[in-house]
Amino acid sequence: MKTELTQQELHNLAMNIVGQDLEENGYEFLGVNSEFKTNPQFVALKEKKLHFVVVRAITYPDNPKNFDLALMKKVKDHAVKFNARTFYAGVGLANSQDYEKLMVKEEDYIINYDGLQEIE
């Protein structure tokens, strides 16, 4: 029997993808919170500047570039107190055999991730 991935497992997958991207781009992690919906997920330093990164796993057919404006404003307001930049990292995930199917542990998946979106 195939086991559907939980929201936390999808979130962990997105966290790994974004974390690897941050690492490859020279970010130094100061804090990582992988609990689903605890924000921000990453507090990182790059070029002596603090960055807050909110990560979301977005399943097909939803668009990973769309974010919750109210949530991001709240995180941005918090980041400003620390003179930090705020970013959203939406990671699109879909079953590779059929986008309409659920993501299950036993099957491969496709990733749609275009990097960080800065919240101005």
C-alpha atoms as a PDB file:
ATOM      1  CA  MET A   1       0.000   0.000   0.000  1.00  0.00           C
ATOM      2  CA  LYS A   2       1.301   3.434  -0.939  1.00  0.00           C
ATOM      3  CA  THR A   3       1.676   5.992   1.816  1.00  0.00           C
ATOM      4  CA  GLU A   4       0.785   9.628   1.142  1.00  0.00           C
ATOM      5  CA  LEU A   5       3.332  12.195   2.319  1.00  0.00           C
ATOM      6  CA  THR A   6       2.140  14.240   5.298  1.00  0.00           C
ATOM      7  CA  GLN A   7       2.186  18.060   5.351  1.00  0.00           C
ATOM      8  CA  GLN A   8       5.242  17.898   7.639  1.00  0.00           C
ATOM      9  CA  GLU A   9       7.055  15.505   5.263  1.00  0.00           C
ATOM     10  CA  LEU A  10       6.311  17.773   2.292  1.00  0.00           C
ATOM     11  CA  HIS A  11       7.545  20.727   4.364  1.00  0.00           C
ATOM     12  CA  ASN A  12      10.757  18.866   5.277  1.00  0.00           C
ATOM     13  CA  LEU A  13      11.357  18.118   1.610  1.00  0.00           C
ATOM     14  CA  ALA A  14      10.944  21.814   0.749  1.00  0.00           C
ATOM     15  CA  MET A  15      13.233  22.762   3.660  1.00  0.00           C
ATOM     16  CA  ASN A  16      15.978  20.465   2.321  1.00  0.00           C
ATOM     17  CA  ILE A  17      15.700  21.959  -1.180  1.00  0.00           C
ATOM     18  CA  VAL A  18      15.821  25.563   0.065  1.00  0.00           C
ATOM     19  CA  GLY A  19      18.519  24.805   2.654  1.00  0.00           C
ATOM     20  CA  GLN A  20      20.768  23.307  -0.015  1.00  0.00           C
ATOM     21  CA  ASP A  21      20.152  26.340  -2.259  1.00  0.00           C
ATOM     22  CA  LEU A  22      21.046  28.733   0.583  1.00  0.00           C
ATOM     23  CA  GLU A  23      24.193  26.763   1.410  1.00  0.00           C
ATOM     24  CA  GLU A  24      25.323  26.707  -2.235  1.00  0.00           C
ATOM     25  CA  ASN A  25      24.816  30.482  -2.387  1.00  0.00           C
ATOM     26  CA  GLY A  26      26.994  31.275   0.612  1.00  0.00           C
ATOM     27  CA  TYR A  27      24.433  31.730   3.380  1.00  0.00           C
ATOM     28  CA  GLU A  28      25.456  30.906   6.962  1.00  0.00           C
ATOM     29  CA  PHE A  29      22.644  29.453   9.069  1.00  0.00           C
ATOM     30  CA  LEU A  30      22.024  31.145  12.408  1.00  0.00           C
ATOM     31  CA  GLY A  31      18.690  29.447  13.041  1.00  0.00           C
ATOM     32  CA  VAL A  32      16.665  26.704  11.387  1.00  0.00           C
ATOM     33  CA  ASN A  33      13.098  25.899  12.374  1.00  0.00           C
ATOM     34  CA  SER A  34      11.682  22.965  10.450  1.00  0.00           C
ATOM     35  CA  GLU A  35       8.349  22.856  12.274  1.00  0.00           C
ATOM     36  CA  PHE A  36       5.485  23.197   9.833  1.00  0.00           C
ATOM     37  CA  LYS A  37       4.136  26.781   9.793  1.00  0.00           C
ATOM     38  CA  THR A  38       6.546  28.237  12.374  1.00  0.00           C
ATOM     39  CA  ASN A  39       8.084  31.301  10.738  1.00  0.00           C
ATOM     40  CA  PRO A  40      10.654  32.092   9.539  1.00  0.00           C
ATOM     41  CA  GLN A  41      12.156  28.699   8.744  1.00  0.00           C
ATOM     42  CA  PHE A  42      15.668  30.028   8.148  1.00  0.00           C
ATOM     43  CA  VAL A  43      17.515  32.890   9.763  1.00  0.00           C
ATOM     44  CA  ALA A  44      20.739  33.225   7.829  1.00  0.00           C
ATOM     45  CA  LEU A  45      23.658  35.558   7.345  1.00  0.00           C
ATOM     46  CA  LYS A  46      25.136  36.518   3.985  1.00  0.00           C
ATOM     47  CA  GLU A  47      27.669  39.292   3.482  1.00  0.00           C
ATOM     48  CA  LYS A  48      27.110  40.398   7.097  1.00  0.00           C
ATOM     49  CA  LYS A  49      23.389  40.959   6.415  1.00  0.00           C
ATOM     50  CA  LEU A  50      20.611  39.079   8.220  1.00  0.00           C
ATOM     51  CA  HIS A  51      18.010  37.221   6.111  1.00  0.00           C
ATOM     52  CA  PHE A  52      14.670  35.746   7.188  1.00  0.00           C
ATOM     53  CA  VAL A  53      13.377  33.020   4.849  1.00  0.00           C
ATOM     54  CA  VAL A  54       9.851  31.589   4.911  1.00  0.00           C
ATOM     55  CA  VAL A  55       9.604  28.177   3.205  1.00  0.00           C
ATOM     56  CA  ARG A  56       6.414  26.618   1.862  1.00  0.00           C
ATOM     57  CA  ALA A  57       5.824  23.296   0.132  1.00  0.00           C
ATOM     58  CA  ILE A  58       3.180  23.919  -2.526  1.00  0.00           C
ATOM     59  CA  THR A  59       1.548  20.947  -4.210  1.00  0.00           C
ATOM     60  CA  TYR A  60       0.287  20.927  -7.780  1.00  0.00           C
ATOM     61  CA  PRO A  61      -1.841  22.611  -9.140  1.00  0.00           C
ATOM     62  CA  ASP A  62      -1.157  25.580  -6.818  1.00  0.00           C
ATOM     63  CA  ASN A  63       1.488  28.087  -7.916  1.00  0.00           C
ATOM     64  CA  PRO A  64       4.621  28.057  -5.699  1.00  0.00           C
ATOM     65  CA  LYS A  65       5.259  31.739  -6.455  1.00  0.00           C
ATOM     66  CA  ASN A  66       2.006  32.825  -4.762  1.00  0.00           C
ATOM     67  CA  PHE A  67       2.308  33.580  -1.072  1.00  0.00           C
ATOM     68  CA  ASP A  68       0.161  34.666   1.846  1.00  0.00           C
ATOM     69  CA  LEU A  69       0.568  38.460   1.792  1.00  0.00           C
ATOM     70  CA  ALA A  70      -0.618  38.955   5.398  1.00  0.00           C
ATOM     71  CA  LEU A  71       1.828  36.336   6.688  1.00  0.00           C
ATOM     72  CA  MET A  72       4.748  37.778   4.741  1.00  0.00           C
ATOM     73  CA  LYS A  73       3.922  41.308   5.963  1.00  0.00           C
ATOM     74  CA  LYS A  74       3.983  40.003   9.542  1.00  0.00           C
ATOM     75  CA  VAL A  75       7.373  38.322   9.006  1.00  0.00           C
ATOM     76  CA  LYS A  76       8.694  41.429   7.209  1.00  0.00           C
ATOM     77  CA  ASP A  77       7.576  43.686  10.096  1.00  0.00           C
ATOM     78  CA  HIS A  78       9.436  41.374  12.495  1.00  0.00           C
ATOM     79  CA  ALA A  79      12.539  41.299  10.261  1.00  0.00           C
ATOM     80  CA  VAL A  80      12.683  45.102  10.092  1.00  0.00           C
ATOM     81  CA  LYS A  81      13.268  45.167  13.873  1.00  0.00           C
ATOM     82  CA  PHE A  82      16.462  43.187  13.240  1.00  0.00           C
ATOM     83  CA  ASN A  83      17.443  45.127  10.094  1.00  0.00           C
ATOM     84  CA  ALA A  84      16.944  41.865   8.161  1.00  0.00           C
ATOM     85  CA  ARG A  85      15.836  41.198   4.597  1.00  0.00           C
ATOM     86  CA  THR A  86      12.746  38.991   4.132  1.00  0.00           C
ATOM     87  CA  PHE A  87      12.344  36.258   1.544  1.00  0.00           C
ATOM     88  CA  TYR A  88       9.698  33.750   0.502  1.00  0.00           C
ATOM     89  CA  ALA A  89      10.765  30.375  -0.880  1.00  0.00           C
ATOM     90  CA  GLY A  90       7.890  28.470  -2.459  1.00  0.00           C
ATOM     91  CA  VAL A  91       8.747  24.943  -3.541  1.00  0.00           C
ATOM     92  CA  GLY A  92       6.319  23.385  -5.998  1.00  0.00           C
ATOM     93  CA  LEU A  93       6.002  19.617  -5.683  1.00  0.00           C
ATOM     94  CA  ALA A  94       4.143  17.112  -7.841  1.00  0.00           C
ATOM     95  CA  ASN A  95       3.999  13.364  -8.424  1.00  0.00           C
ATOM     96  CA  SER A  96       6.317  12.749 -11.399  1.00  0.00           C
ATOM     97  CA  GLN A  97       4.116  10.019 -12.913  1.00  0.00           C
ATOM     98  CA  ASP A  98       0.939  12.091 -12.875  1.00  0.00           C
ATOM     99  CA  TYR A  99       0.723  15.661 -11.546  1.00  0.00           C
ATOM    100  CA  GLU A 100      -2.886  15.037 -10.525  1.00  0.00           C
ATOM    101  CA  LYS A 101      -1.935  12.150  -8.201  1.00  0.00           C
ATOM    102  CA  LEU A 102      -1.020  12.624  -4.558  1.00  0.00           C
ATOM    103  CA  MET A 103       2.608  12.583  -3.548  1.00  0.00           C
ATOM    104  CA  VAL A 104       3.458   9.237  -2.016  1.00  0.00           C
ATOM    105  CA  LYS A 105       6.617   7.919  -0.396  1.00  0.00           C
ATOM    106  CA  GLU A 106       7.092   5.168  -2.967  1.00  0.00           C
ATOM    107  CA  GLU A 107       7.081   7.419  -6.057  1.00  0.00           C
ATOM    108  CA  ASP A 108       9.345  10.079  -7.534  1.00  0.00           C
ATOM    109  CA  TYR A 109       8.412  13.740  -7.576  1.00  0.00           C
ATOM    110  CA  ILE A 110       9.061  16.851  -9.635  1.00  0.00           C
ATOM    111  CA  ILE A 111      10.335  20.090  -8.112  1.00  0.00           C
ATOM    112  CA  ASN A 112       9.397  23.589  -9.261  1.00  0.00           C
ATOM    113  CA  TYR A 113      11.673  25.984  -7.370  1.00  0.00           C
ATOM    114  CA  ASP A 114      12.959  29.259  -8.795  1.00  0.00           C
ATOM    115  CA  GLY A 115      14.836  30.489  -5.734  1.00  0.00           C
ATOM    116  CA  LEU A 116      14.092  33.185  -3.212  1.00  0.00           C
ATOM    117  CA  GLN A 117      11.553  35.967  -3.750  1.00  0.00           C
ATOM    118  CA  GLU A 118      12.417  39.086  -1.762  1.00  0.00           C
ATOM    119  CA  ILE A 119       9.531  40.724   0.085  1.00  0.00           C
ATOM    120  CA  GLU A 120       9.897  44.479  -0.265  1.00  0.00           C
END
